[in-house]
Amino acid sequence: MKKINDTYGHQVDDQVIIKISKLLTDICRETDYVGRYGGEEFLVVLTDNNEDGAKNFSERFRREVENLDFGLPTQVTVSGGVKTYENESAEEMIKLADGALYEAKERGRNCIISA
């Protein structure tokens, strides 16, 4: 997103973030939670789900963003980190998911990594 912001400006970047957030809320179930975690980062809590379900959801979301038309000459993609609950605190889960996100970015982006 930084590249979009630097190239096209804040207003275009905001429109991309809005479109991505709408997609996220559209594909989530009523029992799931979606929130903006940082400038261009989102946190999704998938309730009553397992690791395979979380991976499948994340990969579906990644593919749908990859195929969305944002009206830009460049493709928009997302990277993600997935962590399922294993008796750790919420803070630890977020830390592990964030680490997986950074690994996805290091691997070249446009992928989902499980913690």
C-alpha atoms as a PDB file:
ATOM      1  CA  MET A   1       0.000   0.000   0.000  1.00  0.00           C
ATOM      2  CA  LYS A   2       2.906   2.338   0.602  1.00  0.00           C
ATOM      3  CA  LYS A   3       3.705   2.121  -3.097  1.00  0.00           C
ATOM      4  CA  ILE A   4       0.114   3.045  -3.990  1.00  0.00           C
ATOM      5  CA  ASN A   5       0.144   5.899  -1.503  1.00  0.00           C
ATOM      6  CA  ASP A   6       3.488   7.215  -2.765  1.00  0.00           C
ATOM      7  CA  THR A   7       2.472   6.889  -6.438  1.00  0.00           C
ATOM      8  CA  TYR A   8      -1.204   7.899  -6.436  1.00  0.00           C
ATOM      9  CA  GLY A   9      -1.716   9.746  -3.153  1.00  0.00           C
ATOM     10  CA  HIS A  10      -3.657   9.332   0.060  1.00  0.00           C
ATOM     11  CA  GLN A  11      -7.115   9.528  -1.505  1.00  0.00           C
ATOM     12  CA  VAL A  12      -6.484   6.622  -3.873  1.00  0.00           C
ATOM     13  CA  ASP A  13      -4.819   4.657  -1.077  1.00  0.00           C
ATOM     14  CA  ASP A  14      -7.870   5.280   1.134  1.00  0.00           C
ATOM     15  CA  GLN A  15     -10.208   4.025  -1.600  1.00  0.00           C
ATOM     16  CA  VAL A  16      -8.170   0.817  -1.912  1.00  0.00           C
ATOM     17  CA  ILE A  17      -8.311   0.300   1.864  1.00  0.00           C
ATOM     18  CA  ILE A  18     -12.081   0.904   1.862  1.00  0.00           C
ATOM     19  CA  LYS A  19     -12.611  -1.603  -0.952  1.00  0.00           C
ATOM     20  CA  ILE A  20     -10.470  -4.216   0.806  1.00  0.00           C
ATOM     21  CA  SER A  21     -12.288  -3.678   4.122  1.00  0.00           C
ATOM     22  CA  LYS A  22     -15.665  -4.051   2.391  1.00  0.00           C
ATOM     23  CA  LEU A  23     -14.523  -7.332   0.830  1.00  0.00           C
ATOM     24  CA  LEU A  24     -13.345  -8.568   4.230  1.00  0.00           C
ATOM     25  CA  THR A  25     -16.631  -7.769   5.920  1.00  0.00           C
ATOM     26  CA  ASP A  26     -18.570  -9.302   3.019  1.00  0.00           C
ATOM     27  CA  ILE A  27     -16.783 -12.662   3.195  1.00  0.00           C
ATOM     28  CA  CYS A  28     -16.762 -12.902   6.994  1.00  0.00           C
ATOM     29  CA  ARG A  29     -19.539 -14.610   8.896  1.00  0.00           C
ATOM     30  CA  GLU A  30     -21.740 -12.714  11.339  1.00  0.00           C
ATOM     31  CA  THR A  31     -19.810 -14.320  14.205  1.00  0.00           C
ATOM     32  CA  ASP A  32     -16.403 -13.102  12.971  1.00  0.00           C
ATOM     33  CA  TYR A  33     -14.746  -9.805  13.821  1.00  0.00           C
ATOM     34  CA  VAL A  34     -12.884  -7.466  11.462  1.00  0.00           C
ATOM     35  CA  GLY A  35     -10.895  -4.446  12.514  1.00  0.00           C
ATOM     36  CA  ARG A  36      -8.266  -2.155  11.142  1.00  0.00           C
ATOM     37  CA  TYR A  37      -5.098  -2.879  13.076  1.00  0.00           C
ATOM     38  CA  GLY A  38      -2.711  -0.372  11.541  1.00  0.00           C
ATOM     39  CA  GLY A  39      -2.442   1.944   8.592  1.00  0.00           C
ATOM     40  CA  GLU A  40      -2.975  -0.797   6.041  1.00  0.00           C
ATOM     41  CA  GLU A  41      -3.290  -3.812   8.287  1.00  0.00           C
ATOM     42  CA  PHE A  42      -6.427  -5.626   9.336  1.00  0.00           C
ATOM     43  CA  LEU A  43      -7.051  -8.057  12.150  1.00  0.00           C
ATOM     44  CA  VAL A  44      -9.677 -10.744  11.611  1.00  0.00           C
ATOM     45  CA  VAL A  45     -10.938 -12.987  14.397  1.00  0.00           C
ATOM     46  CA  LEU A  46     -12.598 -16.085  12.982  1.00  0.00           C
ATOM     47  CA  THR A  47     -14.718 -17.619  15.715  1.00  0.00           C
ATOM     48  CA  ASP A  48     -15.375 -21.355  15.934  1.00  0.00           C
ATOM     49  CA  ASN A  49     -12.712 -22.180  13.363  1.00  0.00           C
ATOM     50  CA  ASN A  50      -9.596 -24.337  13.097  1.00  0.00           C
ATOM     51  CA  GLU A  51      -6.230 -23.844  11.405  1.00  0.00           C
ATOM     52  CA  ASP A  52      -7.375 -25.279   8.069  1.00  0.00           C
ATOM     53  CA  GLY A  53     -10.467 -23.083   8.107  1.00  0.00           C
ATOM     54  CA  ALA A  54      -8.402 -19.989   8.917  1.00  0.00           C
ATOM     55  CA  LYS A  55      -5.905 -20.792   6.157  1.00  0.00           C
ATOM     56  CA  ASN A  56      -8.701 -21.401   3.647  1.00  0.00           C
ATOM     57  CA  PHE A  57     -10.419 -18.140   4.571  1.00  0.00           C
ATOM     58  CA  SER A  58      -7.158 -16.192   4.322  1.00  0.00           C
ATOM     59  CA  GLU A  59      -6.207 -17.720   0.999  1.00  0.00           C
ATOM     60  CA  ARG A  60      -9.683 -17.038  -0.402  1.00  0.00           C
ATOM     61  CA  PHE A  61      -9.402 -13.419   0.698  1.00  0.00           C
ATOM     62  CA  ARG A  62      -5.917 -13.107  -0.827  1.00  0.00           C
ATOM     63  CA  ARG A  63      -7.124 -14.477  -4.178  1.00  0.00           C
ATOM     64  CA  GLU A  64     -10.203 -12.241  -4.220  1.00  0.00           C
ATOM     65  CA  VAL A  65      -8.100  -9.110  -3.593  1.00  0.00           C
ATOM     66  CA  GLU A  66      -5.669 -10.213  -6.298  1.00  0.00           C
ATOM     67  CA  ASN A  67      -8.585 -10.423  -8.754  1.00  0.00           C
ATOM     68  CA  LEU A  68     -10.349  -7.175  -7.757  1.00  0.00           C
ATOM     69  CA  ASP A  69     -10.279  -4.268 -10.177  1.00  0.00           C
ATOM     70  CA  PHE A  70      -9.107  -1.200  -8.301  1.00  0.00           C
ATOM     71  CA  GLY A  71      -8.928   0.920 -11.450  1.00  0.00           C
ATOM     72  CA  LEU A  72      -5.147   1.153 -11.165  1.00  0.00           C
ATOM     73  CA  PRO A  73      -2.468   0.199 -13.673  1.00  0.00           C
ATOM     74  CA  THR A  74      -0.818  -1.942 -10.981  1.00  0.00           C
ATOM     75  CA  GLN A  75      -2.219  -5.025  -9.298  1.00  0.00           C
ATOM     76  CA  VAL A  76      -3.123  -4.813  -5.610  1.00  0.00           C
ATOM     77  CA  THR A  77      -2.221  -7.822  -3.480  1.00  0.00           C
ATOM     78  CA  VAL A  78      -2.252  -8.697   0.206  1.00  0.00           C
ATOM     79  CA  SER A  79       0.000 -10.682   2.476  1.00  0.00           C
ATOM     80  CA  GLY A  80      -1.107 -12.249   5.709  1.00  0.00           C
ATOM     81  CA  GLY A  81      -0.173 -14.033   8.882  1.00  0.00           C
ATOM     82  CA  VAL A  82      -2.495 -16.634  10.392  1.00  0.00           C
ATOM     83  CA  LYS A  83      -2.479 -17.868  13.975  1.00  0.00           C
ATOM     84  CA  THR A  84      -5.018 -20.180  15.565  1.00  0.00           C
ATOM     85  CA  TYR A  85      -5.626 -20.280  19.281  1.00  0.00           C
ATOM     86  CA  GLU A  86      -3.485 -22.720  21.289  1.00  0.00           C
ATOM     87  CA  ASN A  87      -3.968 -21.445  24.851  1.00  0.00           C
ATOM     88  CA  GLU A  88      -1.818 -18.330  24.406  1.00  0.00           C
ATOM     89  CA  SER A  89      -2.869 -14.798  25.264  1.00  0.00           C
ATOM     90  CA  ALA A  90      -4.430 -12.494  22.697  1.00  0.00           C
ATOM     91  CA  GLU A  91      -1.247 -10.415  22.745  1.00  0.00           C
ATOM     92  CA  GLU A  92       0.892 -13.473  22.008  1.00  0.00           C
ATOM     93  CA  MET A  93      -1.436 -14.575  19.195  1.00  0.00           C
ATOM     94  CA  ILE A  94      -1.201 -11.153  17.587  1.00  0.00           C
ATOM     95  CA  LYS A  95       2.593 -11.139  17.973  1.00  0.00           C
ATOM     96  CA  LEU A  96       2.856 -14.552  16.285  1.00  0.00           C
ATOM     97  CA  ALA A  97       0.451 -13.600  13.478  1.00  0.00           C
ATOM     98  CA  ASP A  98       2.396 -10.365  12.949  1.00  0.00           C
ATOM     99  CA  GLY A  99       5.633 -12.340  12.703  1.00  0.00           C
ATOM    100  CA  ALA A 100       4.037 -14.590  10.082  1.00  0.00           C
ATOM    101  CA  LEU A 101       2.894 -11.484   8.185  1.00  0.00           C
ATOM    102  CA  TYR A 102       6.451 -10.141   8.096  1.00  0.00           C
ATOM    103  CA  GLU A 103       7.656 -13.529   6.878  1.00  0.00           C
ATOM    104  CA  ALA A 104       5.082 -13.366   4.067  1.00  0.00           C
ATOM    105  CA  LYS A 105       6.401  -9.941   3.096  1.00  0.00           C
ATOM    106  CA  GLU A 106       9.989 -11.237   3.155  1.00  0.00           C
ATOM    107  CA  ARG A 107       8.996 -14.126   0.878  1.00  0.00           C
ATOM    108  CA  GLY A 108       7.924 -11.685  -1.795  1.00  0.00           C
ATOM    109  CA  ARG A 109       4.424 -10.722  -0.669  1.00  0.00           C
ATOM    110  CA  ASN A 110       1.034 -11.869  -1.984  1.00  0.00           C
ATOM    111  CA  CYS A 111       0.999 -14.946   0.247  1.00  0.00           C
ATOM    112  CA  ILE A 112      -0.350 -16.204   3.558  1.00  0.00           C
ATOM    113  CA  ILE A 113       1.926 -17.711   6.215  1.00  0.00           C
ATOM    114  CA  SER A 114       0.793 -19.649   9.282  1.00  0.00           C
ATOM    115  CA  ALA A 115       2.473 -19.083  12.628  1.00  0.00           C
END
